[in-house]
Amino acid sequence: MTEQLIEWLGRYGADADGGVTRLLYTRSWKEAQEALAEKMKSLGLEPAFDDAGNLFGRLQGTDADSECILTGSHVDTVQRGGKYDGAYGIVAGIAALARLREKYGAPKKTIEVVAFCEEEGSRFPYNYWGSTFLTGAAGYKDVEHARDQQGISFMEAMKAAGFGPGSRGRGARTDIGAFIELHIEQGAILEQEGQTIGIVEQIVGLQRYTVRVKGEANHAGTTPMPYRRDAMRAAGEMVAAVMDGADEIGAPLVATVGRMELIPGTPNVIPGEVLFTMDVRHPDGAKLEEACAHFVGLLHEVASRRNVDIETERWMNTAPIAMDAELTDAIERICRSRDLPYRRMPSGAGHDAQILAACCRTAMAFVPSRKGISHSPLEYTEPEHLEAGVQVLTDLLHQLAY
């Protein structure tokens, strides 16, 4: 069932090359959410949207006063992403609730599967809108000035899709007692080690910077090398220094320069200005802070040596988040009982689970990604691994709600 649901959901926003593009509040996004609502209803769940566009499928419990057990993930994708990232957690939750309802009937505690409206930040410069709205960690003031690359405002897009303040009469919630997110690994550790389930112990901390290097633009043919204030040459040394520094510190720290812009960007002009990003991650908050301070120091050392100016702006600083120990242990016991190979591990990527962890007991589990590929049309997980994840999720939900 799970594999079929993933293929079915992948039709909404399908790209010609086999990938999927479902950006927040676009037509493909809305069609996917509406289709999921109908699918939930057909399987005996009660679908409902909140004002932000998060979709919930409810399996009502017999204890009306109990806290809700929530599972799911995000429905949005990156540009030309894959069929599994986010989507797997949603369809696995639907499959698990359908199995529980068919086999055991109504639970004691209400269980809901959520399709978060947004996590990726692919359309607007804002991440985790679905989960931060749900928990009350963010509101409309946090996104009112955000615009996409076409200049459309976040609020305009939300209202055009049929959502926004008061649209559904459902805002932030305080009734969630636990959240479980099932996700593809987006890395190659499980596949390389022959493991079926990854039990997430913590989600790494992340700091992200924009670095602006200012030199002097000049003629590429008439300016001798010793007289240059070449922003690109300095930036190249800076990137190499950070990468070498990350190698020296070693795992589990990782550092990435993922975007670089040269100004004026002309073949016969020495670059007078370079902008690049620096993304640094580590599961230990103190070590992350220490590494970032070291890297920023390296950048300034190169700038001084190369006679260029430098500005560094840290615009993301997310602390590491630990998952709930009792729930994590429960997942391990389930893996043992089902004889499923597993390992405990950190998550090197951010997830909605890190937002929920600040508000309720939270757990997360991974299934393998083929060759570690994600955010790509080549994203794939074997059907037997998809099924193993659903079995673990179903068992855990049964323990928590029945």
Protein backbone atom coordinates (compact mmCIF):
# COMPACT_ATOMS: atom_id res chain seq x y z
CA MET A 1 0.00 0.00 0.00
CA THR A 2 2.76 2.44 0.95
CA GLU A 3 4.66 2.16 -2.33
CA GLN A 4 1.44 2.64 -4.30
CA LEU A 5 0.53 5.71 -2.24
CA ILE A 6 3.95 7.26 -2.86
CA GLU A 7 3.61 6.75 -6.62
CA TRP A 8 0.07 8.14 -6.48
CA LEU A 9 1.07 11.24 -4.52
CA GLY A 10 4.08 11.74 -6.81
CA ARG A 11 1.72 12.46 -9.71
CA TYR A 12 0.85 15.81 -8.13
CA GLY A 13 3.59 18.18 -9.23
CA ALA A 14 5.30 15.55 -11.40
CA ASP A 15 8.15 16.85 -13.56
CA ALA A 16 9.02 15.52 -17.00
CA ASP A 17 12.27 13.96 -15.71
CA GLY A 18 10.54 11.90 -13.02
CA GLY A 19 10.97 14.38 -10.20
CA VAL A 20 8.36 16.29 -8.24
CA THR A 21 7.92 20.02 -7.64
CA ARG A 22 5.28 21.02 -5.06
CA LEU A 23 6.04 24.49 -3.76
CA LEU A 24 3.99 26.01 -0.96
CA TYR A 25 0.55 27.34 -2.01
CA THR A 26 1.03 26.56 -5.72
CA ARG A 27 -1.55 24.69 -7.77
CA SER A 28 0.28 21.34 -7.54
CA TRP A 29 0.63 21.77 -3.77
CA LYS A 30 -3.09 22.48 -3.33
CA GLU A 31 -4.11 19.59 -5.57
CA ALA A 32 -1.90 17.24 -3.54
CA GLN A 33 -3.37 18.38 -0.23
CA GLU A 34 -6.92 18.08 -1.51
CA ALA A 35 -6.21 14.61 -2.91
CA LEU A 36 -4.71 13.54 0.42
CA ALA A 37 -7.83 14.77 2.20
CA GLU A 38 -10.00 12.61 -0.03
CA LYS A 39 -7.68 9.63 0.46
CA MET A 40 -7.85 10.03 4.24
CA LYS A 41 -11.62 10.17 4.12
CA SER A 42 -11.84 7.04 1.96
CA LEU A 43 -9.80 5.13 4.57
CA GLY A 44 -12.00 6.11 7.49
CA LEU A 45 -10.11 9.16 8.76
CA GLU A 46 -11.63 12.60 9.36
CA PRO A 47 -9.73 15.17 7.26
CA ALA A 48 -9.45 18.83 8.27
CA PHE A 49 -7.24 21.78 7.33
CA ASP A 50 -5.99 24.48 9.64
CA ASP A 51 -5.60 28.14 8.69
CA ALA A 52 -2.05 27.68 7.37
CA GLY A 53 -2.92 24.75 5.10
CA ASN A 54 -1.71 21.90 7.30
CA LEU A 55 -3.89 18.84 6.68
CA PHE A 56 -4.87 16.41 9.44
CA GLY A 57 -6.47 12.98 9.16
CA ARG A 58 -8.07 12.08 12.48
CA LEU A 59 -8.76 8.68 14.01
CA GLN A 60 -10.93 9.66 16.97
CA GLY A 61 -10.15 8.13 20.34
CA THR A 62 -12.67 6.96 22.92
CA ASP A 63 -11.09 9.16 25.62
CA ALA A 64 -12.17 12.62 24.52
CA ASP A 65 -9.96 14.35 27.10
CA SER A 66 -6.71 12.62 26.13
CA GLU A 67 -3.88 14.32 24.29
CA CYS A 68 -3.51 13.60 20.58
CA ILE A 69 -0.79 11.33 19.16
CA LEU A 70 0.46 12.89 15.92
CA THR A 71 2.49 11.42 13.08
CA GLY A 72 3.34 12.64 9.57
CA SER A 73 5.70 14.89 7.64
CA HIS A 74 5.68 17.64 4.97
CA VAL A 75 3.96 17.65 1.59
CA ASP A 76 6.07 20.37 -0.07
CA THR A 77 9.22 19.61 -2.07
CA VAL A 78 12.31 21.33 -3.35
CA GLN A 79 12.50 22.26 -7.03
CA ARG A 80 12.75 19.00 -9.00
CA GLY A 81 12.83 16.92 -5.85
CA GLY A 82 11.98 13.28 -5.34
CA LYS A 83 8.83 11.33 -4.50
CA TYR A 84 9.89 10.18 -1.03
CA ASP A 85 11.18 13.16 0.98
CA GLY A 86 8.34 14.21 3.28
CA ALA A 87 5.76 12.26 1.31
CA TYR A 88 6.85 8.95 2.84
CA GLY A 89 6.09 10.14 6.37
CA ILE A 90 2.61 11.21 5.32
CA VAL A 91 1.59 8.08 3.43
CA ALA A 92 3.21 5.84 6.07
CA GLY A 93 1.06 7.56 8.67
CA ILE A 94 -2.07 7.07 6.57
CA ALA A 95 -1.21 3.40 6.05
CA ALA A 96 -0.51 2.87 9.76
CA LEU A 97 -3.77 4.48 10.88
CA ALA A 98 -5.75 2.50 8.30
CA ARG A 99 -4.22 -0.75 9.59
CA LEU A 100 -4.87 0.13 13.22
CA ARG A 101 -8.48 1.11 12.51
CA GLU A 102 -9.14 -2.08 10.56
CA LYS A 103 -7.53 -4.41 13.11
CA TYR A 104 -8.31 -2.77 16.45
CA GLY A 105 -11.08 -0.24 15.85
CA ALA A 106 -11.12 3.06 17.70
CA PRO A 107 -8.07 3.87 19.84
CA LYS A 108 -8.22 5.19 23.39
CA LYS A 109 -6.20 8.26 22.47
CA THR A 110 -6.90 10.14 19.28
CA ILE A 111 -4.31 9.61 16.55
CA GLU A 112 -3.83 12.03 13.66
CA VAL A 113 -1.63 11.98 10.58
CA VAL A 114 -0.48 15.40 9.41
CA ALA A 115 0.63 16.63 5.99
CA PHE A 116 2.53 19.75 6.99
CA CYS A 117 2.06 22.48 4.43
CA GLU A 118 5.73 23.50 4.31
CA GLU A 119 9.16 22.55 5.62
CA GLU A 120 11.66 23.07 2.81
CA GLY A 121 11.69 26.86 2.37
CA SER A 122 11.85 26.32 -1.40
CA ARG A 123 9.44 29.06 -2.47
CA PHE A 124 9.74 31.65 0.29
CA PRO A 125 12.76 32.41 2.52
CA TYR A 126 11.16 30.74 5.53
CA ASN A 127 11.46 27.15 6.78
CA TYR A 128 9.12 24.98 8.89
CA TRP A 129 6.06 27.16 8.42
CA GLY A 130 3.71 24.22 8.88
CA SER A 131 5.11 22.97 12.18
CA THR A 132 5.94 26.40 13.62
CA PHE A 133 2.38 27.55 12.90
CA LEU A 134 0.96 24.39 14.46
CA THR A 135 2.97 24.81 17.67
CA GLY A 136 2.56 28.57 17.90
CA ALA A 137 6.30 29.13 17.49
CA ALA A 138 5.56 31.40 14.50
CA GLY A 139 2.64 33.45 13.27
CA TYR A 140 1.60 35.66 10.38
CA LYS A 141 3.90 38.51 11.46
CA ASP A 142 6.88 36.22 10.88
CA VAL A 143 6.05 35.73 7.20
CA GLU A 144 4.18 38.90 6.21
CA HIS A 145 7.22 40.47 4.50
CA ALA A 146 8.43 37.31 2.75
CA ARG A 147 8.22 37.20 -1.03
CA ASP A 148 9.07 34.58 -3.64
CA GLN A 149 11.32 35.15 -6.65
CA GLN A 150 8.37 36.47 -8.65
CA GLY A 151 7.64 39.09 -5.99
CA ILE A 152 4.46 37.41 -4.73
CA SER A 153 4.06 37.90 -1.00
CA PHE A 154 3.65 34.99 1.38
CA MET A 155 0.30 36.29 2.62
CA GLU A 156 -1.01 36.85 -0.93
CA ALA A 157 -0.11 33.29 -1.93
CA MET A 158 -1.67 31.87 1.22
CA LYS A 159 -4.96 33.67 0.67
CA ALA A 160 -5.02 32.78 -3.04
CA ALA A 161 -4.77 29.11 -2.05
CA GLY A 162 -7.75 29.47 0.28
CA PHE A 163 -5.92 29.80 3.58
CA GLY A 164 -4.90 32.55 5.97
CA PRO A 165 -6.21 34.18 9.15
CA GLY A 166 -9.58 32.71 10.16
CA SER A 167 -10.01 30.76 6.92
CA ARG A 168 -10.57 27.40 8.64
CA GLY A 169 -10.97 28.45 12.25
CA ARG A 170 -8.00 26.35 13.34
CA GLY A 171 -4.77 27.89 14.58
CA ALA A 172 -2.00 26.76 16.92
CA ARG A 173 -2.68 23.66 19.01
CA THR A 174 -1.87 22.63 22.58
CA ASP A 175 -3.45 19.15 22.60
CA ILE A 176 -0.54 17.19 21.08
CA GLY A 177 1.06 14.74 23.50
CA ALA A 178 3.54 13.04 21.17
CA PHE A 179 4.82 13.33 17.61
CA ILE A 180 6.50 10.59 15.56
CA GLU A 181 8.07 11.37 12.19
CA LEU A 182 9.06 8.62 9.77
CA HIS A 183 11.42 9.75 7.00
CA ILE A 184 13.89 8.53 4.42
CA GLU A 185 17.45 8.92 5.67
CA GLN A 186 18.66 11.28 2.90
CA GLY A 187 22.11 9.79 3.44
CA ALA A 188 23.91 6.51 2.76
CA ILE A 189 24.76 5.27 6.26
CA LEU A 190 21.92 2.76 6.63
CA GLU A 191 22.43 1.33 3.14
CA GLN A 192 26.21 1.10 3.55
CA GLU A 193 25.88 -0.66 6.91
CA GLY A 194 23.03 -2.96 5.87
CA GLN A 195 20.60 -1.50 8.42
CA THR A 196 16.85 -1.26 7.91
CA ILE A 197 15.86 1.32 10.54
CA GLY A 198 17.72 4.37 11.76
CA ILE A 199 16.65 5.49 15.24
CA VAL A 200 17.28 9.23 15.49
CA GLU A 201 18.73 10.32 18.83
CA GLN A 202 19.18 13.98 17.99
CA ILE A 203 18.81 16.40 15.10
CA VAL A 204 22.01 18.32 14.49
CA GLY A 205 22.49 22.00 15.19
CA LEU A 206 22.94 24.26 12.18
CA GLN A 207 24.50 27.64 11.62
CA ARG A 208 24.27 29.33 8.24
CA TYR A 209 26.15 32.43 7.10
CA THR A 210 26.33 34.78 4.16
CA VAL A 211 29.88 35.99 3.53
CA ARG A 212 30.53 39.13 1.49
CA VAL A 213 34.10 39.65 0.23
CA LYS A 214 34.88 43.11 -1.17
CA GLY A 215 37.97 43.77 -3.25
CA GLU A 216 38.39 45.95 -6.33
CA ALA A 217 37.10 45.27 -9.82
CA ASN A 218 39.69 45.99 -12.51
CA HIS A 219 40.84 45.01 -16.00
CA ALA A 220 41.85 41.35 -16.27
CA GLY A 221 44.62 42.05 -18.81
CA THR A 222 46.23 45.25 -17.57
CA THR A 223 46.34 44.75 -13.80
CA PRO A 224 49.51 42.93 -12.62
CA MET A 225 48.96 40.14 -10.12
CA PRO A 226 50.73 41.87 -7.18
CA TYR A 227 48.51 44.95 -7.54
CA ARG A 228 45.18 43.13 -7.49
CA ARG A 229 42.54 43.10 -4.77
CA ASP A 230 40.88 40.03 -6.26
CA ALA A 231 37.74 39.15 -4.30
CA MET A 232 37.44 35.78 -6.04
CA ARG A 233 40.99 34.72 -5.25
CA ALA A 234 40.42 35.61 -1.60
CA ALA A 235 37.04 33.87 -1.53
CA GLY A 236 38.57 30.73 -3.04
CA GLU A 237 41.20 30.63 -0.31
CA MET A 238 38.49 31.19 2.29
CA VAL A 239 36.45 28.25 1.04
CA ALA A 240 39.53 26.02 1.00
CA ALA A 241 40.42 27.12 4.53
CA VAL A 242 36.96 26.25 5.85
CA MET A 243 36.90 22.88 4.09
CA ASP A 244 40.40 22.01 5.35
CA GLY A 245 39.36 23.13 8.82
CA ALA A 246 36.31 20.87 8.71
CA ASP A 247 38.52 17.94 7.67
CA GLU A 248 40.83 18.62 10.61
CA ILE A 249 37.97 18.75 13.12
CA GLY A 250 36.45 15.60 11.61
CA ALA A 251 33.11 13.83 11.86
CA PRO A 252 30.37 14.40 12.78
CA LEU A 253 31.01 18.06 11.88
CA VAL A 254 30.22 19.00 8.27
CA ALA A 255 30.66 22.30 6.44
CA THR A 256 29.33 23.30 3.03
CA VAL A 257 29.63 26.27 0.70
CA GLY A 258 26.57 25.80 -1.48
CA ARG A 259 26.13 29.13 -3.26
CA MET A 260 28.58 31.65 -4.70
CA GLU A 261 27.98 34.84 -6.70
CA LEU A 262 30.68 36.86 -8.47
CA ILE A 263 30.24 40.57 -9.15
CA PRO A 264 30.37 41.81 -11.87
CA GLY A 265 30.70 38.24 -13.17
CA THR A 266 32.41 39.12 -16.45
CA PRO A 267 35.25 37.03 -18.01
CA ASN A 268 37.59 39.99 -18.53
CA VAL A 269 37.02 41.75 -15.20
CA ILE A 270 38.68 40.91 -11.90
CA PRO A 271 35.80 40.21 -9.48
CA GLY A 272 35.37 43.15 -7.14
CA GLU A 273 32.89 41.39 -4.88
CA VAL A 274 31.96 37.80 -4.04
CA LEU A 275 29.06 36.51 -1.98
CA PHE A 276 28.96 32.94 -0.72
CA THR A 277 27.11 30.89 1.86
CA MET A 278 28.56 28.76 4.63
CA ASP A 279 26.51 25.97 6.23
CA VAL A 280 27.97 24.24 9.33
CA ARG A 281 26.35 21.36 11.28
CA HIS A 282 27.16 19.33 14.40
CA PRO A 283 25.04 17.38 16.92
CA ASP A 284 26.86 19.06 19.85
CA GLY A 285 25.88 22.70 20.33
CA ALA A 286 29.09 23.79 22.07
CA LYS A 287 31.29 22.15 19.43
CA LEU A 288 29.19 23.71 16.67
CA GLU A 289 29.65 27.18 18.18
CA GLU A 290 33.38 26.61 18.60
CA ALA A 291 33.79 25.41 15.01
CA CYS A 292 31.86 28.34 13.56
CA ALA A 293 33.91 30.85 15.53
CA HIS A 294 37.07 29.15 14.24
CA PHE A 295 35.84 29.27 10.64
CA VAL A 296 34.89 32.95 10.85
CA GLY A 297 38.37 33.63 12.21
CA LEU A 298 39.90 31.84 9.23
CA LEU A 299 37.85 33.99 6.85
CA HIS A 300 39.15 37.17 8.43
CA GLU A 301 42.74 35.91 8.35
CA VAL A 302 42.51 35.34 4.59
CA ALA A 303 40.84 38.72 4.08
CA SER A 304 43.69 40.47 5.89
CA ARG A 305 46.35 38.61 3.95
CA ARG A 306 44.67 39.29 0.59
CA ASN A 307 43.89 42.95 1.37
CA VAL A 308 40.13 42.63 0.92
CA ASP A 309 37.22 43.58 3.15
CA ILE A 310 34.83 41.01 4.57
CA GLU A 311 31.38 40.94 6.14
CA THR A 312 29.85 37.82 7.71
CA GLU A 313 26.17 37.56 8.57
CA ARG A 314 24.83 34.60 10.54
CA TRP A 315 21.19 34.30 9.52
CA MET A 316 20.36 30.85 10.84
CA ASN A 317 21.30 29.42 14.23
CA THR A 318 19.40 26.26 15.16
CA ALA A 319 20.45 24.39 18.28
CA PRO A 320 20.71 20.58 18.30
CA ILE A 321 17.50 18.92 19.46
CA ALA A 322 17.38 15.59 21.31
CA MET A 323 14.55 13.15 20.67
CA ASP A 324 12.54 11.72 23.57
CA ALA A 325 14.54 8.93 25.25
CA GLU A 326 11.52 6.77 26.15
CA LEU A 327 10.10 6.86 22.64
CA THR A 328 13.52 6.21 21.16
CA ASP A 329 13.95 3.17 23.41
CA ALA A 330 10.47 1.98 22.42
CA ILE A 331 11.43 2.07 18.74
CA GLU A 332 14.55 0.05 19.51
CA ARG A 333 12.48 -2.60 21.33
CA ILE A 334 10.12 -2.81 18.35
CA CYS A 335 13.06 -3.30 15.97
CA ARG A 336 14.38 -6.10 18.17
CA SER A 337 10.99 -7.78 18.43
CA ARG A 338 10.62 -7.72 14.63
CA ASP A 339 14.26 -8.73 14.09
CA LEU A 340 14.90 -5.59 12.04
CA PRO A 341 18.54 -4.48 11.72
CA TYR A 342 18.88 -0.97 13.17
CA ARG A 343 21.29 1.61 14.45
CA ARG A 344 21.00 4.73 16.59
CA MET A 345 22.19 7.86 14.78
CA PRO A 346 21.90 11.64 14.54
CA SER A 347 20.00 13.36 11.75
CA GLY A 348 22.24 15.59 9.69
CA ALA A 349 19.23 17.31 8.11
CA GLY A 350 16.59 19.46 9.76
CA HIS A 351 13.04 18.16 10.12
CA ASP A 352 9.64 19.15 11.51
CA ALA A 353 10.42 16.86 14.44
CA GLN A 354 12.87 19.42 15.80
CA ILE A 355 10.06 21.98 16.02
CA LEU A 356 7.63 19.60 17.71
CA ALA A 357 10.32 18.44 20.16
CA ALA A 358 10.10 21.78 21.93
CA CYS A 359 6.41 21.19 22.67
CA CYS A 360 5.84 17.46 23.14
CA ARG A 361 7.49 14.06 23.31
CA THR A 362 9.00 13.48 19.88
CA ALA A 363 10.66 10.59 18.08
CA MET A 364 12.01 10.06 14.59
CA ALA A 365 13.01 7.03 12.54
CA PHE A 366 14.70 6.64 9.17
CA VAL A 367 14.57 4.06 6.40
CA PRO A 368 17.45 3.74 3.89
CA SER A 369 17.90 5.95 0.84
CA ARG A 370 19.45 4.29 -2.19
CA LYS A 371 23.00 5.65 -2.65
CA GLY A 372 22.12 8.32 -0.10
CA ILE A 373 20.41 10.40 -2.80
CA SER A 374 17.71 12.89 -1.84
CA HIS A 375 16.23 16.16 -3.15
CA SER A 376 16.55 14.59 -6.59
CA PRO A 377 14.40 12.72 -9.11
CA LEU A 378 16.72 9.74 -8.38
CA GLU A 379 15.47 9.51 -4.80
CA TYR A 380 14.39 5.93 -4.03
CA THR A 381 13.79 3.52 -1.13
CA GLU A 382 13.24 -0.21 -1.55
CA PRO A 383 9.63 -1.38 -0.97
CA GLU A 384 10.69 -3.77 1.81
CA HIS A 385 12.30 -0.89 3.67
CA LEU A 386 9.21 1.26 3.22
CA GLU A 387 7.12 -1.56 4.68
CA ALA A 388 9.51 -2.09 7.60
CA GLY A 389 9.17 1.56 8.54
CA VAL A 390 5.38 1.37 8.44
CA GLN A 391 5.47 -1.73 10.67
CA VAL A 392 7.60 0.07 13.26
CA LEU A 393 5.35 3.15 13.14
CA THR A 394 2.20 1.05 13.45
CA ASP A 395 3.57 -0.81 16.47
CA LEU A 396 4.61 2.40 18.20
CA LEU A 397 1.27 4.11 17.59
CA HIS A 398 -0.50 1.02 18.92
CA GLN A 399 1.56 1.16 22.11
CA LEU A 400 0.87 4.85 22.59
CA ALA A 401 -2.81 5.06 21.71
CA TYR A 402 -4.46 1.68 22.39
